[in-house]
């Protein structure tokens, strides 16, 4: 585990824990209720600045070959989901594995992973969790924590909805209900 992963893995956020508990409770009520609750929690759990559609902050991440990419240049898609994860994080592993059922290159092209590790290790990490035949998502490394700090994250995993260079919503924490998470992400990437 790289030093930034160890440092970040220990951090906790009260809002993240509350959202996580509510999602677990909603999963017991049923998928439809969980989907509605999660959609409302995305807005309710986001800080006021995210609801105000704050700009994606400036940061730099690494591609698999080590070359730097600016946050504003992560993808050509105007609307996408940015997912921040770390190796050796079970909730992060489960979130990455949710893509295993996605065969549509159009959907996967709107999903960007940033991994708290080097660019080369980031691509290996995500690739190891997806079965062969899954469309390859965009994967970047953040071994120095530049994106983590710029995005003001407090834990992992984190899913951020971005449209036209602006953060529209975010949700973080342990996301146990795969159906709900897939529904939220698919709705956003197929919008």
C-alpha atoms as a PDB file:
ATOM      1  CA  UNK A   1       0.000   0.000   0.000  1.00  0.00           C
ATOM      2  CA  UNK A   2       1.497   3.381  -0.929  1.00  0.00           C
ATOM      3  CA  UNK A   3       1.941   6.023   1.761  1.00  0.00           C
ATOM      4  CA  UNK A   4      -0.995   8.142   0.562  1.00  0.00           C
ATOM      5  CA  UNK A   5      -3.275   5.073   0.697  1.00  0.00           C
ATOM      6  CA  UNK A   6      -2.264   4.359   4.290  1.00  0.00           C
ATOM      7  CA  UNK A   7      -2.689   7.986   5.267  1.00  0.00           C
ATOM      8  CA  UNK A   8      -6.066   8.334   3.587  1.00  0.00           C
ATOM      9  CA  UNK A   9      -7.402   4.926   4.624  1.00  0.00           C
ATOM     10  CA  UNK A  10      -7.445   5.973   8.283  1.00  0.00           C
ATOM     11  CA  UNK A  11      -9.530   9.119   7.779  1.00  0.00           C
ATOM     12  CA  UNK A  12     -13.260   9.106   8.581  1.00  0.00           C
ATOM     13  CA  UNK A  13     -16.057  11.557   7.929  1.00  0.00           C
ATOM     14  CA  UNK A  14     -19.276  11.760   9.965  1.00  0.00           C
ATOM     15  CA  UNK A  15     -21.417  12.503   6.900  1.00  0.00           C
ATOM     16  CA  UNK A  16     -20.011   9.489   5.056  1.00  0.00           C
ATOM     17  CA  UNK A  17     -20.889   7.208   7.964  1.00  0.00           C
ATOM     18  CA  UNK A  18     -24.437   8.587   8.183  1.00  0.00           C
ATOM     19  CA  UNK A  19     -25.005   8.117   4.447  1.00  0.00           C
ATOM     20  CA  UNK A  20     -23.589   4.598   4.645  1.00  0.00           C
ATOM     21  CA  UNK A  21     -25.929   3.630   7.511  1.00  0.00           C
ATOM     22  CA  UNK A  22     -28.950   5.076   5.695  1.00  0.00           C
ATOM     23  CA  UNK A  23     -28.113   3.214   2.473  1.00  0.00           C
ATOM     24  CA  UNK A  24     -27.723  -0.088   4.389  1.00  0.00           C
ATOM     25  CA  UNK A  25     -31.087   0.521   6.072  1.00  0.00           C
ATOM     26  CA  UNK A  26     -32.716   1.376   2.753  1.00  0.00           C
ATOM     27  CA  UNK A  27     -31.325  -1.789   1.154  1.00  0.00           C
ATOM     28  CA  UNK A  28     -33.355  -3.745   3.690  1.00  0.00           C
ATOM     29  CA  UNK A  29     -36.519  -1.837   2.747  1.00  0.00           C
ATOM     30  CA  UNK A  30     -36.161  -2.647  -0.924  1.00  0.00           C
ATOM     31  CA  UNK A  31     -34.337  -1.680  -4.065  1.00  0.00           C
ATOM     32  CA  UNK A  32     -36.876   0.924  -5.195  1.00  0.00           C
ATOM     33  CA  UNK A  33     -36.824   2.678  -1.845  1.00  0.00           C
ATOM     34  CA  UNK A  34     -33.023   2.466  -1.735  1.00  0.00           C
ATOM     35  CA  UNK A  35     -32.742   4.015  -5.193  1.00  0.00           C
ATOM     36  CA  UNK A  36     -34.983   6.917  -4.216  1.00  0.00           C
ATOM     37  CA  UNK A  37     -33.206   7.392  -0.895  1.00  0.00           C
ATOM     38  CA  UNK A  38     -29.767   7.262  -2.527  1.00  0.00           C
ATOM     39  CA  UNK A  39     -30.746   9.833  -5.140  1.00  0.00           C
ATOM     40  CA  UNK A  40     -31.962  12.175  -2.412  1.00  0.00           C
ATOM     41  CA  UNK A  41     -28.877  11.467  -0.297  1.00  0.00           C
ATOM     42  CA  UNK A  42     -26.609  12.460  -3.152  1.00  0.00           C
ATOM     43  CA  UNK A  43     -28.072  15.941  -2.945  1.00  0.00           C
ATOM     44  CA  UNK A  44     -28.527  15.941   0.835  1.00  0.00           C
ATOM     45  CA  UNK A  45     -25.049  14.621   1.646  1.00  0.00           C
ATOM     46  CA  UNK A  46     -23.218  16.900  -0.736  1.00  0.00           C
ATOM     47  CA  UNK A  47     -21.715  19.998   0.800  1.00  0.00           C
ATOM     48  CA  UNK A  48     -23.428  23.254  -0.112  1.00  0.00           C
ATOM     49  CA  UNK A  49     -20.644  24.087  -2.554  1.00  0.00           C
ATOM     50  CA  UNK A  50     -21.312  20.854  -4.508  1.00  0.00           C
ATOM     51  CA  UNK A  51     -25.011  21.694  -4.725  1.00  0.00           C
ATOM     52  CA  UNK A  52     -23.947  25.069  -6.058  1.00  0.00           C
ATOM     53  CA  UNK A  53     -22.124  23.208  -8.830  1.00  0.00           C
ATOM     54  CA  UNK A  54     -18.567  24.150  -7.985  1.00  0.00           C
ATOM     55  CA  UNK A  55     -15.889  23.882 -10.670  1.00  0.00           C
ATOM     56  CA  UNK A  56     -13.719  20.790 -10.808  1.00  0.00           C
ATOM     57  CA  UNK A  57     -10.549  21.945  -9.018  1.00  0.00           C
ATOM     58  CA  UNK A  58      -7.138  21.944 -10.658  1.00  0.00           C
ATOM     59  CA  UNK A  59      -5.083  18.809 -10.036  1.00  0.00           C
ATOM     60  CA  UNK A  60      -2.746  16.441 -11.838  1.00  0.00           C
ATOM     61  CA  UNK A  61      -2.832  12.635 -11.998  1.00  0.00           C
ATOM     62  CA  UNK A  62      -0.659  10.045 -13.765  1.00  0.00           C
ATOM     63  CA  UNK A  63      -1.421   7.751 -16.672  1.00  0.00           C
ATOM     64  CA  UNK A  64      -0.124   4.179 -16.747  1.00  0.00           C
ATOM     65  CA  UNK A  65       3.107   5.308 -18.426  1.00  0.00           C
ATOM     66  CA  UNK A  66       3.689   7.945 -15.726  1.00  0.00           C
ATOM     67  CA  UNK A  67       2.817  10.963 -17.869  1.00  0.00           C
ATOM     68  CA  UNK A  68       0.793  13.680 -16.151  1.00  0.00           C
ATOM     69  CA  UNK A  69      -2.810  14.526 -17.032  1.00  0.00           C
ATOM     70  CA  UNK A  70      -4.641  17.562 -15.725  1.00  0.00           C
ATOM     71  CA  UNK A  71      -7.985  17.036 -14.016  1.00  0.00           C
ATOM     72  CA  UNK A  72      -9.749  19.083 -16.689  1.00  0.00           C
ATOM     73  CA  UNK A  73      -8.427  16.670 -19.346  1.00  0.00           C
ATOM     74  CA  UNK A  74      -9.448  13.323 -17.796  1.00  0.00           C
ATOM     75  CA  UNK A  75     -11.992  12.481 -20.514  1.00  0.00           C
ATOM     76  CA  UNK A  76     -13.603  13.924 -23.613  1.00  0.00           C
ATOM     77  CA  UNK A  77     -17.075  13.250 -22.210  1.00  0.00           C
ATOM     78  CA  UNK A  78     -18.839  16.370 -20.974  1.00  0.00           C
ATOM     79  CA  UNK A  79     -20.729  14.378 -18.333  1.00  0.00           C
ATOM     80  CA  UNK A  80     -19.051  11.560 -16.450  1.00  0.00           C
ATOM     81  CA  UNK A  81     -18.595   9.849 -13.114  1.00  0.00           C
ATOM     82  CA  UNK A  82     -15.257  10.224 -11.346  1.00  0.00           C
ATOM     83  CA  UNK A  83     -14.611   7.370  -8.914  1.00  0.00           C
ATOM     84  CA  UNK A  84     -11.788   7.721  -6.377  1.00  0.00           C
ATOM     85  CA  UNK A  85     -10.595   4.423  -4.871  1.00  0.00           C
ATOM     86  CA  UNK A  86      -7.532   2.802  -3.292  1.00  0.00           C
ATOM     87  CA  UNK A  87      -5.990  -0.672  -3.411  1.00  0.00           C
ATOM     88  CA  UNK A  88      -6.425  -2.736  -0.224  1.00  0.00           C
ATOM     89  CA  UNK A  89      -9.814  -1.130   0.424  1.00  0.00           C
ATOM     90  CA  UNK A  90     -12.653  -3.690   0.359  1.00  0.00           C
ATOM     91  CA  UNK A  91     -15.440  -1.152  -0.282  1.00  0.00           C
ATOM     92  CA  UNK A  92     -13.323   0.242  -3.141  1.00  0.00           C
ATOM     93  CA  UNK A  93     -12.844  -3.260  -4.595  1.00  0.00           C
ATOM     94  CA  UNK A  94     -16.610  -3.877  -4.513  1.00  0.00           C
ATOM     95  CA  UNK A  95     -17.294  -0.569  -6.214  1.00  0.00           C
ATOM     96  CA  UNK A  96     -14.813  -1.305  -9.042  1.00  0.00           C
ATOM     97  CA  UNK A  97     -16.334  -4.769  -9.485  1.00  0.00           C
ATOM     98  CA  UNK A  98     -19.752  -3.226 -10.129  1.00  0.00           C
ATOM     99  CA  UNK A  99     -18.510  -2.474 -13.650  1.00  0.00           C
ATOM    100  CA  UNK A 100     -18.182  -6.184 -14.419  1.00  0.00           C
ATOM    101  CA  UNK A 101     -21.684  -6.234 -15.899  1.00  0.00           C
ATOM    102  CA  UNK A 102     -21.087  -3.217 -18.104  1.00  0.00           C
ATOM    103  CA  UNK A 103     -20.286  -4.261 -21.636  1.00  0.00           C
ATOM    104  CA  UNK A 104     -21.221  -0.949 -23.249  1.00  0.00           C
ATOM    105  CA  UNK A 105     -18.110   1.041 -24.208  1.00  0.00           C
ATOM    106  CA  UNK A 106     -20.299   4.169 -24.272  1.00  0.00           C
ATOM    107  CA  UNK A 107     -21.154   3.782 -20.579  1.00  0.00           C
ATOM    108  CA  UNK A 108     -17.656   2.804 -19.480  1.00  0.00           C
ATOM    109  CA  UNK A 109     -16.174   5.744 -21.419  1.00  0.00           C
ATOM    110  CA  UNK A 110     -18.072   8.022 -19.022  1.00  0.00           C
ATOM    111  CA  UNK A 111     -16.485   6.443 -15.946  1.00  0.00           C
ATOM    112  CA  UNK A 112     -13.084   7.722 -14.792  1.00  0.00           C
ATOM    113  CA  UNK A 113     -11.159   6.032 -11.998  1.00  0.00           C
ATOM    114  CA  UNK A 114      -8.530   7.785  -9.922  1.00  0.00           C
ATOM    115  CA  UNK A 115      -6.600   5.352  -7.732  1.00  0.00           C
ATOM    116  CA  UNK A 116      -4.457   6.340  -4.733  1.00  0.00           C
ATOM    117  CA  UNK A 117      -1.353   4.736  -6.250  1.00  0.00           C
ATOM    118  CA  UNK A 118       1.034   5.170  -9.198  1.00  0.00           C
ATOM    119  CA  UNK A 119      -0.405   5.301 -12.706  1.00  0.00           C
ATOM    120  CA  UNK A 120       0.938   1.837 -13.593  1.00  0.00           C
ATOM    121  CA  UNK A 121      -0.323   0.279 -10.366  1.00  0.00           C
ATOM    122  CA  UNK A 122      -3.684   2.025 -10.754  1.00  0.00           C
ATOM    123  CA  UNK A 123      -4.318   0.408 -14.135  1.00  0.00           C
ATOM    124  CA  UNK A 124      -3.250  -3.004 -12.792  1.00  0.00           C
ATOM    125  CA  UNK A 125      -5.487  -2.651  -9.734  1.00  0.00           C
ATOM    126  CA  UNK A 126      -8.636  -1.801 -11.693  1.00  0.00           C
ATOM    127  CA  UNK A 127      -7.820  -4.354 -14.410  1.00  0.00           C
ATOM    128  CA  UNK A 128      -7.380  -7.123 -11.830  1.00  0.00           C
ATOM    129  CA  UNK A 129     -10.913  -6.598 -10.512  1.00  0.00           C
ATOM    130  CA  UNK A 130     -12.686  -6.648 -13.877  1.00  0.00           C
ATOM    131  CA  UNK A 131     -13.249  -9.833 -15.906  1.00  0.00           C
ATOM    132  CA  UNK A 132     -11.845 -10.159 -19.393  1.00  0.00           C
ATOM    133  CA  UNK A 133     -14.171  -8.699 -21.992  1.00  0.00           C
ATOM    134  CA  UNK A 134     -15.189  -5.745 -19.835  1.00  0.00           C
ATOM    135  CA  UNK A 135     -14.694  -2.469 -21.670  1.00  0.00           C
ATOM    136  CA  UNK A 136     -11.598  -0.719 -20.300  1.00  0.00           C
ATOM    137  CA  UNK A 137     -12.387   2.365 -18.217  1.00  0.00           C
ATOM    138  CA  UNK A 138     -10.092   5.376 -17.985  1.00  0.00           C
ATOM    139  CA  UNK A 139      -7.748   4.893 -15.009  1.00  0.00           C
ATOM    140  CA  UNK A 140      -5.287   7.345 -13.479  1.00  0.00           C
ATOM    141  CA  UNK A 141      -2.971   7.221 -10.486  1.00  0.00           C
ATOM    142  CA  UNK A 142      -2.764   9.740  -7.652  1.00  0.00           C
ATOM    143  CA  UNK A 143       0.228   8.490  -5.642  1.00  0.00           C
ATOM    144  CA  UNK A 144       1.065  12.001  -4.393  1.00  0.00           C
ATOM    145  CA  UNK A 145      -2.523  12.738  -3.301  1.00  0.00           C
ATOM    146  CA  UNK A 146      -2.877  15.846  -5.488  1.00  0.00           C
ATOM    147  CA  UNK A 147      -6.411  14.970  -6.659  1.00  0.00           C
ATOM    148  CA  UNK A 148      -7.426  13.751  -3.190  1.00  0.00           C
ATOM    149  CA  UNK A 149      -6.463  17.084  -1.621  1.00  0.00           C
ATOM    150  CA  UNK A 150      -7.830  19.234  -4.461  1.00  0.00           C
ATOM    151  CA  UNK A 151     -11.190  17.441  -4.342  1.00  0.00           C
ATOM    152  CA  UNK A 152     -11.177  17.791  -0.526  1.00  0.00           C
ATOM    153  CA  UNK A 153     -11.962  14.121  -0.031  1.00  0.00           C
ATOM    154  CA  UNK A 154     -12.112  12.637   3.450  1.00  0.00           C
ATOM    155  CA  UNK A 155     -12.215   8.911   2.715  1.00  0.00           C
ATOM    156  CA  UNK A 156     -12.798   6.299   0.041  1.00  0.00           C
ATOM    157  CA  UNK A 157     -14.524   5.206  -2.088  1.00  0.00           C
ATOM    158  CA  UNK A 158     -16.029   8.385  -3.532  1.00  0.00           C
ATOM    159  CA  UNK A 159     -18.259   8.815  -6.585  1.00  0.00           C
ATOM    160  CA  UNK A 160     -18.466  12.308  -8.088  1.00  0.00           C
ATOM    161  CA  UNK A 161     -20.826  13.407 -10.858  1.00  0.00           C
ATOM    162  CA  UNK A 162     -19.138  15.890 -13.207  1.00  0.00           C
ATOM    163  CA  UNK A 163     -20.845  17.853 -15.978  1.00  0.00           C
ATOM    164  CA  UNK A 164     -19.079  20.380 -18.199  1.00  0.00           C
ATOM    165  CA  UNK A 165     -16.146  20.749 -15.798  1.00  0.00           C
ATOM    166  CA  UNK A 166     -18.332  21.266 -12.719  1.00  0.00           C
ATOM    167  CA  UNK A 167     -18.950  18.963  -9.758  1.00  0.00           C
ATOM    168  CA  UNK A 168     -22.696  18.395  -9.631  1.00  0.00           C
ATOM    169  CA  UNK A 169     -22.916  15.821  -6.785  1.00  0.00           C
ATOM    170  CA  UNK A 170     -20.889  13.353  -4.772  1.00  0.00           C
ATOM    171  CA  UNK A 171     -21.423  10.397  -2.479  1.00  0.00           C
ATOM    172  CA  UNK A 172     -18.869   8.538  -0.385  1.00  0.00           C
ATOM    173  CA  UNK A 173     -18.528   5.650   1.976  1.00  0.00           C
ATOM    174  CA  UNK A 174     -19.380   1.988   1.972  1.00  0.00           C
ATOM    175  CA  UNK A 175     -21.860   1.434  -0.826  1.00  0.00           C
ATOM    176  CA  UNK A 176     -23.322  -2.003  -0.144  1.00  0.00           C
ATOM    177  CA  UNK A 177     -26.309  -2.118  -2.484  1.00  0.00           C
ATOM    178  CA  UNK A 178     -24.923  -2.851  -5.942  1.00  0.00           C
ATOM    179  CA  UNK A 179     -28.275  -2.285  -7.654  1.00  0.00           C
ATOM    180  CA  UNK A 180     -28.641   1.182  -6.186  1.00  0.00           C
ATOM    181  CA  UNK A 181     -25.090   2.225  -7.033  1.00  0.00           C
ATOM    182  CA  UNK A 182     -25.392   0.900 -10.584  1.00  0.00           C
ATOM    183  CA  UNK A 183     -28.722   2.664 -11.015  1.00  0.00           C
ATOM    184  CA  UNK A 184     -27.331   6.020  -9.882  1.00  0.00           C
ATOM    185  CA  UNK A 185     -24.174   5.731 -12.000  1.00  0.00           C
ATOM    186  CA  UNK A 186     -25.985   4.439 -15.098  1.00  0.00           C
ATOM    187  CA  UNK A 187     -28.553   7.219 -14.852  1.00  0.00           C
ATOM    188  CA  UNK A 188     -25.766   9.786 -14.750  1.00  0.00           C
ATOM    189  CA  UNK A 189     -23.602   8.332 -17.535  1.00  0.00           C
ATOM    190  CA  UNK A 190     -26.505   7.745 -19.929  1.00  0.00           C
ATOM    191  CA  UNK A 191     -28.132  11.129 -19.326  1.00  0.00           C
END
